[in-house]
């Protein structure tokens, strides 16, 4: 292990880490929005849109991110839509992550007792008001463990962006290995970089899960 080589590569890996986090944050926020909307459409059985949401979730969950990225980056230009590698990566992450987030939200919503929904309807609440005041607050709390797992999953999935030449962490490591052939050193830095991000995040999300669980059950 040559520490001088590792030291020289740190600026490139730092730039790759910043880009990875930037794209991951945008993609995860987008996935949360898409997932929340899709799950609410399913939960309230909105005509037509419910079937669209079901089709989207099935397609997204049953196709690899690699294939989705190839379609977005290489296929869409044939239809007249040309996106940069970074934007394609974000859209791919949102498309994949939205379906997983939708399933997580749905699991949380299903934990709400039917009596609460019936009571809300008896009080004259619309579906929008039920979603805002009853379903979302309780469902979100119950969904936290699954949502946290999806956040970790999506951050790791950014490594697939390397196939469309997004200069994130994995692509940076592969480029440096191709140029200088110091595989052990660059792969070591790659592992450490992901660990620096994911281990503290995992601890923080675990703490959040416990806080939400205690608040929910009054322990």
C-alpha atoms as a PDB file:
ATOM      1  CA  UNK A   1       0.000   0.000   0.000  1.00  0.00           C
ATOM      2  CA  UNK A   2       1.639   3.240  -1.199  1.00  0.00           C
ATOM      3  CA  UNK A   3       0.363   6.076   1.000  1.00  0.00           C
ATOM      4  CA  UNK A   4       1.948   8.729  -1.216  1.00  0.00           C
ATOM      5  CA  UNK A   5      -0.236   7.601  -4.113  1.00  0.00           C
ATOM      6  CA  UNK A   6      -3.279   7.676  -1.851  1.00  0.00           C
ATOM      7  CA  UNK A   7      -2.404  11.187  -0.694  1.00  0.00           C
ATOM      8  CA  UNK A   8      -2.035  12.415  -4.271  1.00  0.00           C
ATOM      9  CA  UNK A   9      -5.441  11.015  -5.246  1.00  0.00           C
ATOM     10  CA  UNK A  10      -7.388  12.617  -2.391  1.00  0.00           C
ATOM     11  CA  UNK A  11      -8.357  15.823  -4.290  1.00  0.00           C
ATOM     12  CA  UNK A  12      -9.908  13.766  -7.108  1.00  0.00           C
ATOM     13  CA  UNK A  13     -11.778  11.559  -4.656  1.00  0.00           C
ATOM     14  CA  UNK A  14     -12.944  14.606  -2.697  1.00  0.00           C
ATOM     15  CA  UNK A  15     -14.434  16.076  -5.873  1.00  0.00           C
ATOM     16  CA  UNK A  16     -16.062  12.728  -6.660  1.00  0.00           C
ATOM     17  CA  UNK A  17     -17.477  12.516  -3.137  1.00  0.00           C
ATOM     18  CA  UNK A  18     -18.991  15.997  -3.344  1.00  0.00           C
ATOM     19  CA  UNK A  19     -20.643  15.166  -6.668  1.00  0.00           C
ATOM     20  CA  UNK A  20     -21.887  11.815  -5.338  1.00  0.00           C
ATOM     21  CA  UNK A  21     -23.528  13.467  -2.331  1.00  0.00           C
ATOM     22  CA  UNK A  22     -24.985  16.265  -4.433  1.00  0.00           C
ATOM     23  CA  UNK A  23     -26.603  13.901  -6.931  1.00  0.00           C
ATOM     24  CA  UNK A  24     -27.718  11.532  -4.158  1.00  0.00           C
ATOM     25  CA  UNK A  25     -29.429  14.290  -2.163  1.00  0.00           C
ATOM     26  CA  UNK A  26     -31.301  15.613  -5.213  1.00  0.00           C
ATOM     27  CA  UNK A  27     -32.248  12.106  -6.311  1.00  0.00           C
ATOM     28  CA  UNK A  28     -33.427  11.024  -2.852  1.00  0.00           C
ATOM     29  CA  UNK A  29     -35.537  14.169  -2.359  1.00  0.00           C
ATOM     30  CA  UNK A  30     -37.098  13.625  -5.774  1.00  0.00           C
ATOM     31  CA  UNK A  31     -37.712   9.953  -4.979  1.00  0.00           C
ATOM     32  CA  UNK A  32     -39.437  10.883  -1.711  1.00  0.00           C
ATOM     33  CA  UNK A  33     -41.771  13.270  -3.529  1.00  0.00           C
ATOM     34  CA  UNK A  34     -42.565  10.776  -6.302  1.00  0.00           C
ATOM     35  CA  UNK A  35     -42.995   7.978  -3.768  1.00  0.00           C
ATOM     36  CA  UNK A  36     -45.307   9.986  -1.506  1.00  0.00           C
ATOM     37  CA  UNK A  37     -47.539  11.038  -4.410  1.00  0.00           C
ATOM     38  CA  UNK A  38     -47.647   7.532  -5.929  1.00  0.00           C
ATOM     39  CA  UNK A  39     -48.501   5.897  -2.618  1.00  0.00           C
ATOM     40  CA  UNK A  40     -51.277   8.399  -1.835  1.00  0.00           C
ATOM     41  CA  UNK A  41     -52.774   7.876  -5.285  1.00  0.00           C
ATOM     42  CA  UNK A  42     -52.822   4.137  -4.609  1.00  0.00           C
ATOM     43  CA  UNK A  43     -54.068   4.470  -1.041  1.00  0.00           C
ATOM     44  CA  UNK A  44     -57.072   6.589  -1.999  1.00  0.00           C
ATOM     45  CA  UNK A  45     -57.727   4.575  -5.191  1.00  0.00           C
ATOM     46  CA  UNK A  46     -57.689   7.636  -7.449  1.00  0.00           C
ATOM     47  CA  UNK A  47     -59.260   6.612 -10.777  1.00  0.00           C
ATOM     48  CA  UNK A  48     -56.856   6.156 -13.708  1.00  0.00           C
ATOM     49  CA  UNK A  49     -53.902   7.598 -11.788  1.00  0.00           C
ATOM     50  CA  UNK A  50     -53.935   4.543  -9.508  1.00  0.00           C
ATOM     51  CA  UNK A  51     -53.282   2.288 -12.502  1.00  0.00           C
ATOM     52  CA  UNK A  52     -50.556   4.614 -13.768  1.00  0.00           C
ATOM     53  CA  UNK A  53     -48.866   4.520 -10.354  1.00  0.00           C
ATOM     54  CA  UNK A  54     -49.135   0.717 -10.216  1.00  0.00           C
ATOM     55  CA  UNK A  55     -47.587   0.383 -13.686  1.00  0.00           C
ATOM     56  CA  UNK A  56     -44.776   2.789 -12.806  1.00  0.00           C
ATOM     57  CA  UNK A  57     -43.916   0.931  -9.586  1.00  0.00           C
ATOM     58  CA  UNK A  58     -43.904  -2.469 -11.286  1.00  0.00           C
ATOM     59  CA  UNK A  59     -41.709  -1.280 -14.163  1.00  0.00           C
ATOM     60  CA  UNK A  60     -39.318   0.602 -11.900  1.00  0.00           C
ATOM     61  CA  UNK A  61     -38.867  -2.151  -9.314  1.00  0.00           C
ATOM     62  CA  UNK A  62     -38.460  -4.906 -11.899  1.00  0.00           C
ATOM     63  CA  UNK A  63     -35.823  -3.307 -14.107  1.00  0.00           C
ATOM     64  CA  UNK A  64     -32.180  -2.666 -13.106  1.00  0.00           C
ATOM     65  CA  UNK A  65     -30.942   0.888 -12.623  1.00  0.00           C
ATOM     66  CA  UNK A  66     -28.260   0.099 -15.207  1.00  0.00           C
ATOM     67  CA  UNK A  67     -30.900  -0.500 -17.897  1.00  0.00           C
ATOM     68  CA  UNK A  68     -32.867   2.570 -16.813  1.00  0.00           C
ATOM     69  CA  UNK A  69     -29.770   4.755 -17.085  1.00  0.00           C
ATOM     70  CA  UNK A  70     -28.936   3.382 -20.537  1.00  0.00           C
ATOM     71  CA  UNK A  71     -32.464   4.195 -21.706  1.00  0.00           C
ATOM     72  CA  UNK A  72     -32.425   7.714 -20.243  1.00  0.00           C
ATOM     73  CA  UNK A  73     -28.920   8.628 -21.423  1.00  0.00           C
ATOM     74  CA  UNK A  74     -28.675   6.727 -24.729  1.00  0.00           C
ATOM     75  CA  UNK A  75     -32.303   6.008 -25.655  1.00  0.00           C
ATOM     76  CA  UNK A  76     -34.059   9.308 -25.038  1.00  0.00           C
ATOM     77  CA  UNK A  77     -31.846  11.263 -27.502  1.00  0.00           C
ATOM     78  CA  UNK A  78     -33.391   9.102 -30.225  1.00  0.00           C
ATOM     79  CA  UNK A  79     -36.749  10.557 -29.164  1.00  0.00           C
ATOM     80  CA  UNK A  80     -35.399  14.096 -29.216  1.00  0.00           C
ATOM     81  CA  UNK A  81     -34.655  14.388 -25.485  1.00  0.00           C
ATOM     82  CA  UNK A  82     -30.962  14.820 -24.717  1.00  0.00           C
ATOM     83  CA  UNK A  83     -29.839  15.026 -21.087  1.00  0.00           C
ATOM     84  CA  UNK A  84     -26.408  15.447 -19.542  1.00  0.00           C
ATOM     85  CA  UNK A  85     -24.847  12.531 -17.679  1.00  0.00           C
ATOM     86  CA  UNK A  86     -25.452  14.149 -14.290  1.00  0.00           C
ATOM     87  CA  UNK A  87     -29.107  14.925 -15.012  1.00  0.00           C
ATOM     88  CA  UNK A  88     -29.624  11.425 -16.420  1.00  0.00           C
ATOM     89  CA  UNK A  89     -28.184   9.977 -13.230  1.00  0.00           C
ATOM     90  CA  UNK A  90     -30.520  12.029 -11.051  1.00  0.00           C
ATOM     91  CA  UNK A  91     -33.569  11.099 -13.128  1.00  0.00           C
ATOM     92  CA  UNK A  92     -32.558   7.444 -12.982  1.00  0.00           C
ATOM     93  CA  UNK A  93     -32.226   7.605  -9.213  1.00  0.00           C
ATOM     94  CA  UNK A  94     -35.605   9.321  -8.879  1.00  0.00           C
ATOM     95  CA  UNK A  95     -37.265   6.796 -11.195  1.00  0.00           C
ATOM     96  CA  UNK A  96     -35.865   3.821  -9.300  1.00  0.00           C
ATOM     97  CA  UNK A  97     -36.077   5.329  -5.824  1.00  0.00           C
ATOM     98  CA  UNK A  98     -39.609   6.645  -6.244  1.00  0.00           C
ATOM     99  CA  UNK A  99     -41.030   3.132  -6.501  1.00  0.00           C
ATOM    100  CA  UNK A 100     -39.158   1.917  -3.418  1.00  0.00           C
ATOM    101  CA  UNK A 101     -40.221   4.980  -1.462  1.00  0.00           C
ATOM    102  CA  UNK A 102     -43.818   4.453  -2.591  1.00  0.00           C
ATOM    103  CA  UNK A 103     -43.792   0.912  -1.207  1.00  0.00           C
ATOM    104  CA  UNK A 104     -42.291   2.192   2.059  1.00  0.00           C
ATOM    105  CA  UNK A 105     -44.964   4.880   2.387  1.00  0.00           C
ATOM    106  CA  UNK A 106     -47.702   2.380   1.542  1.00  0.00           C
ATOM    107  CA  UNK A 107     -46.533   0.109   4.344  1.00  0.00           C
ATOM    108  CA  UNK A 108     -46.764   3.023   6.756  1.00  0.00           C
ATOM    109  CA  UNK A 109     -50.195   4.076   5.529  1.00  0.00           C
ATOM    110  CA  UNK A 110     -51.529   0.537   5.916  1.00  0.00           C
ATOM    111  CA  UNK A 111     -50.569   0.675   9.598  1.00  0.00           C
ATOM    112  CA  UNK A 112     -53.237   3.338  10.154  1.00  0.00           C
ATOM    113  CA  UNK A 113     -56.437   1.836  11.497  1.00  0.00           C
ATOM    114  CA  UNK A 114     -59.424   1.922   9.167  1.00  0.00           C
ATOM    115  CA  UNK A 115     -61.523   3.396  11.973  1.00  0.00           C
ATOM    116  CA  UNK A 116     -59.521   6.632  11.781  1.00  0.00           C
ATOM    117  CA  UNK A 117     -60.197   6.963   8.069  1.00  0.00           C
ATOM    118  CA  UNK A 118     -63.893   6.193   8.563  1.00  0.00           C
ATOM    119  CA  UNK A 119     -64.048   8.738  11.400  1.00  0.00           C
ATOM    120  CA  UNK A 120     -62.441  11.370   9.213  1.00  0.00           C
ATOM    121  CA  UNK A 121     -64.921  10.737   6.419  1.00  0.00           C
ATOM    122  CA  UNK A 122     -67.788  10.885   8.933  1.00  0.00           C
ATOM    123  CA  UNK A 123     -66.540  14.336   9.961  1.00  0.00           C
ATOM    124  CA  UNK A 124     -66.708  15.425   6.335  1.00  0.00           C
ATOM    125  CA  UNK A 125     -62.983  15.488   5.568  1.00  0.00           C
ATOM    126  CA  UNK A 126     -62.027  15.277   1.903  1.00  0.00           C
ATOM    127  CA  UNK A 127     -59.364  12.868   0.688  1.00  0.00           C
ATOM    128  CA  UNK A 128     -56.893  15.747   0.545  1.00  0.00           C
ATOM    129  CA  UNK A 129     -57.657  16.693   4.157  1.00  0.00           C
ATOM    130  CA  UNK A 130     -57.419  13.055   5.247  1.00  0.00           C
ATOM    131  CA  UNK A 131     -54.045  12.785   3.554  1.00  0.00           C
ATOM    132  CA  UNK A 132     -52.784  15.975   5.188  1.00  0.00           C
ATOM    133  CA  UNK A 133     -54.109  15.563   8.734  1.00  0.00           C
ATOM    134  CA  UNK A 134     -54.454  11.795   9.240  1.00  0.00           C
ATOM    135  CA  UNK A 135     -52.589   9.645   6.733  1.00  0.00           C
ATOM    136  CA  UNK A 136     -49.331  11.526   6.140  1.00  0.00           C
ATOM    137  CA  UNK A 137     -48.392  12.370   9.772  1.00  0.00           C
ATOM    138  CA  UNK A 138     -48.944   8.835  11.080  1.00  0.00           C
ATOM    139  CA  UNK A 139     -47.895   7.009   7.930  1.00  0.00           C
ATOM    140  CA  UNK A 140     -44.642   8.924   7.687  1.00  0.00           C
ATOM    141  CA  UNK A 141     -43.678   7.958  11.241  1.00  0.00           C
ATOM    142  CA  UNK A 142     -44.426   4.292  10.577  1.00  0.00           C
ATOM    143  CA  UNK A 143     -42.486   4.444   7.295  1.00  0.00           C
ATOM    144  CA  UNK A 144     -39.224   5.776   8.744  1.00  0.00           C
ATOM    145  CA  UNK A 145     -37.389   2.408   9.033  1.00  0.00           C
ATOM    146  CA  UNK A 146     -38.129   1.463   5.415  1.00  0.00           C
ATOM    147  CA  UNK A 147     -37.403   4.988   4.167  1.00  0.00           C
ATOM    148  CA  UNK A 148     -34.062   5.001   5.999  1.00  0.00           C
ATOM    149  CA  UNK A 149     -33.079   1.692   4.398  1.00  0.00           C
ATOM    150  CA  UNK A 150     -33.999   3.093   0.978  1.00  0.00           C
ATOM    151  CA  UNK A 151     -31.852   6.192   1.547  1.00  0.00           C
ATOM    152  CA  UNK A 152     -28.796   4.009   2.217  1.00  0.00           C
ATOM    153  CA  UNK A 153     -29.657   1.834  -0.781  1.00  0.00           C
ATOM    154  CA  UNK A 154     -29.969   4.801  -3.148  1.00  0.00           C
ATOM    155  CA  UNK A 155     -26.679   6.348  -2.059  1.00  0.00           C
ATOM    156  CA  UNK A 156     -24.916   3.077  -2.849  1.00  0.00           C
ATOM    157  CA  UNK A 157     -26.729   2.899  -6.194  1.00  0.00           C
ATOM    158  CA  UNK A 158     -24.975   6.107  -7.297  1.00  0.00           C
ATOM    159  CA  UNK A 159     -21.973   3.880  -8.052  1.00  0.00           C
ATOM    160  CA  UNK A 160     -23.890   2.724 -11.167  1.00  0.00           C
ATOM    161  CA  UNK A 161     -23.581   6.272 -12.548  1.00  0.00           C
ATOM    162  CA  UNK A 162     -20.051   5.367 -13.630  1.00  0.00           C
ATOM    163  CA  UNK A 163     -21.504   3.535 -16.675  1.00  0.00           C
ATOM    164  CA  UNK A 164     -22.570   6.876 -18.186  1.00  0.00           C
ATOM    165  CA  UNK A 165     -19.308   8.606 -17.210  1.00  0.00           C
ATOM    166  CA  UNK A 166     -20.612  10.639 -14.264  1.00  0.00           C
ATOM    167  CA  UNK A 167     -17.398  11.555 -12.370  1.00  0.00           C
ATOM    168  CA  UNK A 168     -18.631  10.306  -8.970  1.00  0.00           C
ATOM    169  CA  UNK A 169     -16.613   8.169  -6.544  1.00  0.00           C
ATOM    170  CA  UNK A 170     -16.624   4.866  -8.410  1.00  0.00           C
ATOM    171  CA  UNK A 171     -15.918   6.485 -11.758  1.00  0.00           C
ATOM    172  CA  UNK A 172     -13.046   8.419 -10.191  1.00  0.00           C
ATOM    173  CA  UNK A 173     -11.514   5.210  -8.838  1.00  0.00           C
ATOM    174  CA  UNK A 174     -11.890   3.416 -12.179  1.00  0.00           C
ATOM    175  CA  UNK A 175     -10.342   6.317 -14.087  1.00  0.00           C
ATOM    176  CA  UNK A 176      -7.346   6.476 -11.748  1.00  0.00           C
ATOM    177  CA  UNK A 177      -6.851   2.701 -11.922  1.00  0.00           C
ATOM    178  CA  UNK A 178      -6.962   2.866 -15.718  1.00  0.00           C
ATOM    179  CA  UNK A 179      -4.352   5.633 -15.767  1.00  0.00           C
ATOM    180  CA  UNK A 180      -1.905   4.493 -13.086  1.00  0.00           C
ATOM    181  CA  UNK A 181      -2.721   0.812 -12.342  1.00  0.00           C
ATOM    182  CA  UNK A 182      -2.629   1.235  -8.549  1.00  0.00           C
ATOM    183  CA  UNK A 183      -5.772  -0.789  -7.931  1.00  0.00           C
ATOM    184  CA  UNK A 184      -5.263  -1.536  -4.227  1.00  0.00           C
ATOM    185  CA  UNK A 185      -4.665   2.067  -3.242  1.00  0.00           C
ATOM    186  CA  UNK A 186      -7.569   3.552  -5.207  1.00  0.00           C
ATOM    187  CA  UNK A 187     -10.026   0.839  -4.197  1.00  0.00           C
ATOM    188  CA  UNK A 188      -9.006   1.351  -0.568  1.00  0.00           C
ATOM    189  CA  UNK A 189      -9.795   5.075  -0.822  1.00  0.00           C
ATOM    190  CA  UNK A 190     -13.090   4.245  -2.532  1.00  0.00           C
ATOM    191  CA  UNK A 191     -14.158   1.933   0.306  1.00  0.00           C
ATOM    192  CA  UNK A 192     -13.125   4.468   2.948  1.00  0.00           C
ATOM    193  CA  UNK A 193     -14.996   7.276   1.172  1.00  0.00           C
ATOM    194  CA  UNK A 194     -18.248   5.311   1.120  1.00  0.00           C
ATOM    195  CA  UNK A 195     -17.724   4.254   4.751  1.00  0.00           C
ATOM    196  CA  UNK A 196     -17.207   7.880   5.819  1.00  0.00           C
ATOM    197  CA  UNK A 197     -20.609   8.746   4.355  1.00  0.00           C
ATOM    198  CA  UNK A 198     -22.673   5.643   5.046  1.00  0.00           C
ATOM    199  CA  UNK A 199     -21.614   4.618   8.562  1.00  0.00           C
ATOM    200  CA  UNK A 200     -22.443   7.956  10.284  1.00  0.00           C
ATOM    201  CA  UNK A 201     -25.623   8.231   8.187  1.00  0.00           C
ATOM    202  CA  UNK A 202     -26.668   4.717   9.184  1.00  0.00           C
ATOM    203  CA  UNK A 203     -26.104   5.529  12.861  1.00  0.00           C
ATOM    204  CA  UNK A 204     -28.086   8.763  12.572  1.00  0.00           C
ATOM    205  CA  UNK A 205     -30.990   7.058  10.795  1.00  0.00           C
ATOM    206  CA  UNK A 206     -31.036   4.262  13.381  1.00  0.00           C
ATOM    207  CA  UNK A 207     -31.266   6.888  16.123  1.00  0.00           C
ATOM    208  CA  UNK A 208     -34.112   8.591  14.234  1.00  0.00           C
ATOM    209  CA  UNK A 209     -35.954   5.262  13.899  1.00  0.00           C
ATOM    210  CA  UNK A 210     -35.740   4.712  17.660  1.00  0.00           C
ATOM    211  CA  UNK A 211     -36.954   8.214  18.436  1.00  0.00           C
ATOM    212  CA  UNK A 212     -39.916   7.820  16.109  1.00  0.00           C
ATOM    213  CA  UNK A 213     -40.718   4.374  17.540  1.00  0.00           C
ATOM    214  CA  UNK A 214     -40.660   5.658  21.120  1.00  0.00           C
ATOM    215  CA  UNK A 215     -42.824   8.637  20.219  1.00  0.00           C
ATOM    216  CA  UNK A 216     -45.291   6.440  18.380  1.00  0.00           C
ATOM    217  CA  UNK A 217     -45.712   3.846  21.130  1.00  0.00           C
ATOM    218  CA  UNK A 218     -45.165   6.121  24.102  1.00  0.00           C
ATOM    219  CA  UNK A 219     -42.147   4.275  25.515  1.00  0.00           C
END
